[in-house]
Amino acid sequence: MKRTQHCNELRLANAGQTVTLSGWVHSRRDLGGLIFIDIRDREGRTQTVFDPSDLPKDLFARAAALRSECVISVTGKVRSRPTGTSNPKIATGEIEVMAAALEVLNMADVLPFPIDDPEVAGKVNEELRLKYRYLDLRRPEMARNLRLRSKVATAARVFMDEQGFLEVETPTLFKSTPEGAREFIVPSRVSPGLFYALPQSPQQFKQILMVAGVEKYFQLARCYRDEDQRADRQLEFTQIDIEMSFIEREDIYSLIEELLKRVWKTALNLDIATPFKRLAFEEALNRYGIDKPDARFGLELVDFTDEFRASTFKVFSGAVANGGVVKALNAKGMAGATQGQIEMMTEYAKSFGAKGLAYIKVEGGEWKSPIVKFFNDAEKTALTKKLAVEEGDLILFAADQWLTACEILGKIRLYCADVLKGQGKLTIPADQFNFLWVIEFPLLGFDREQNRWYSSHHPFTAPVAEDIPLLASDPKKVRGQHYDVVVNGVELGGGSIRIHQPEVQKKVFEDVLQIPPDMVKARFGYMLEAFRYGAPPHGGIALGFDRLIAILCGTPSIREVIAFPKTAKGADLMTDSPAAVEPKQLRDLHIELKVAKKE
């Protein structure tokens, strides 16, 4: 080894020892004839001192020629720093190494962006950071994220092993089952015209493992979805994938609560309270306007359907007459909202199909809004009482079909929370984590364009037992045994108890989802056949590992916790991919391109 200690290891107790440190030049300073070089490795950094009176001229000249990020090895004697020069910001701040030898292992070109100043580096254009990702990952903030990711992965594996789970790898070359997100397709060279698909999840394989008698399976699984990118999505991602036999929903709840309790203790040394709160899907929408609510703050939605059923304000009474609802929320302290903020919230409402946004500002003891003149005293009293209206409040309304009205105010609720946080009127402690289970999702949704039902989660989700008769008569009322675990408005993961009876699964495929029998056989025939040979009751869940780490690291983007992420357009700027391939490769795969060549 070219070093005796790492760069975060030396303390006053090491004074007088001769050591060798290896790493990157973090910074170089020329002060009063002396050269101070901070040398950095993965663990931290140490100050080294080059004194021209004690060193050969050529050695001192080599030290003077160093620039940031050159790779060096320094040998010298440890001493305590002179009085008044200690650096409490780093662990090695009480000592320094008096250099006696220097080996330049590699010189570095001038960097495309600075990495030694966190404030400056954090403002660098993200595309530039991704192009030079190997430099970006040297920043202490990014190194910390990767370290924590590794630590949490290990903690998860240890916990699952303690619970008797087997880690089983499932294939990443699968078959196309286009019922979920868009898939990545891989052509077969040896079977012309046939294709594999990269798995969106190991769902079908892990259910087959339950049929195989594995009973308790888990995997840190790589998954692929060819979908539009967002801050919390990537084309390829990792999930903690879990499946268990002979269980009910409560078994999943307790397992995941204990797993997350271990993870939070390992990563942040925080004890999270269990069991988590349970919230039915319908209640979550009614109160928060979203099925992954951030329960750290109020601003809850309140229903006024009955109060405005006979209102002279026709927008409200008309919505109720058409089977809709009237909902409102009180953004307390936001009466001073700017015109731009009102327009932003109005655009949110319009994005869900609303014609506009009704609101009331409570200022100077008055209710300021053109709609107030339509309200009678009883309606005003109901608003005042149920919303606890007071000076400085902003009341926002949505009148539409139930789901649309909830989603409109759910989006606006989150926007108002961001505004209030920015104004210092809403404070959420950094170490506050509100976990909850969202349960009792509808098993099915209805696609009006295709005039058919579709699975809200996936077609393998079991209906609640007492709702099975409704599959034929009233599908919209069927609840699924599906559950999501949510923290601070982020869906960490979701899962369900699965259908394990082949006749029920076949009925869901053919009668409910209206998938033709020949297509069912082609896509899922092997599963239905496997279930005929004794499938145990089973269920599972998948936790988004990248999202989990992003929450623990306090960053809104999962790109900050993935070593080599893609851009929002799905590109890897460092390797310049996706890229063209040689014509011979296409011929071997029996593929002919029809894409017009760019000039």
Foldseek 3Di string as FASTA:
>chain_A
DLWDDEAQPDEQVQAFDKIKYKAWFLAWDQDPQKIWTWGHDLPGTAIEIEHVVQEDPVQVVVSVPAGGGFIKMFIFGKHFDPPPQFDPVGNHRGIHGYTHDMDGPGGDDPDPFRQSDVVRLVPPDVLVCLQPVVSVCPRNLLSLLQVLLVQLVVLLVVLLVVVPADEDDDDQFAADDPQDAAWAWAFDLVDFPGITTGAQDCVLVVLLVLLVVSFKYWYQDKHAGPDFDDQADFRIATWTWIKGFPDAPVVQQVSVVVSVQSSCCRQPVDGDDDDAAEAEQVRCLQFQLDLFHQPLDHQTKDWCFVVCCPFPLCLAVVLVVVVATKIKTKLAQCLVPDPVLLVVLQVLLVVLPDPGKFKWRAAPNDTDGPCVVRDDPSSVVVCCVVHVDDHNIMMIMDRHHSSSRSNSVNVVSVVSQVVCVVVVNDDGDLPDKRKYKHFFAQQWDADPVVGAIGGPVHLFWAWDVVCVVCLVPPSRNITTQKMFMHISSDTFKIKHWTDLQLVSSVCSCCVHRNDDPVVCCVNPVVVSVSSVSPRGGMMIMIGRSLVVSCSSSVHSGSVSSDSQGADSVNASSNVGDPDDDDPVVCVSSVHDDPDDDDD
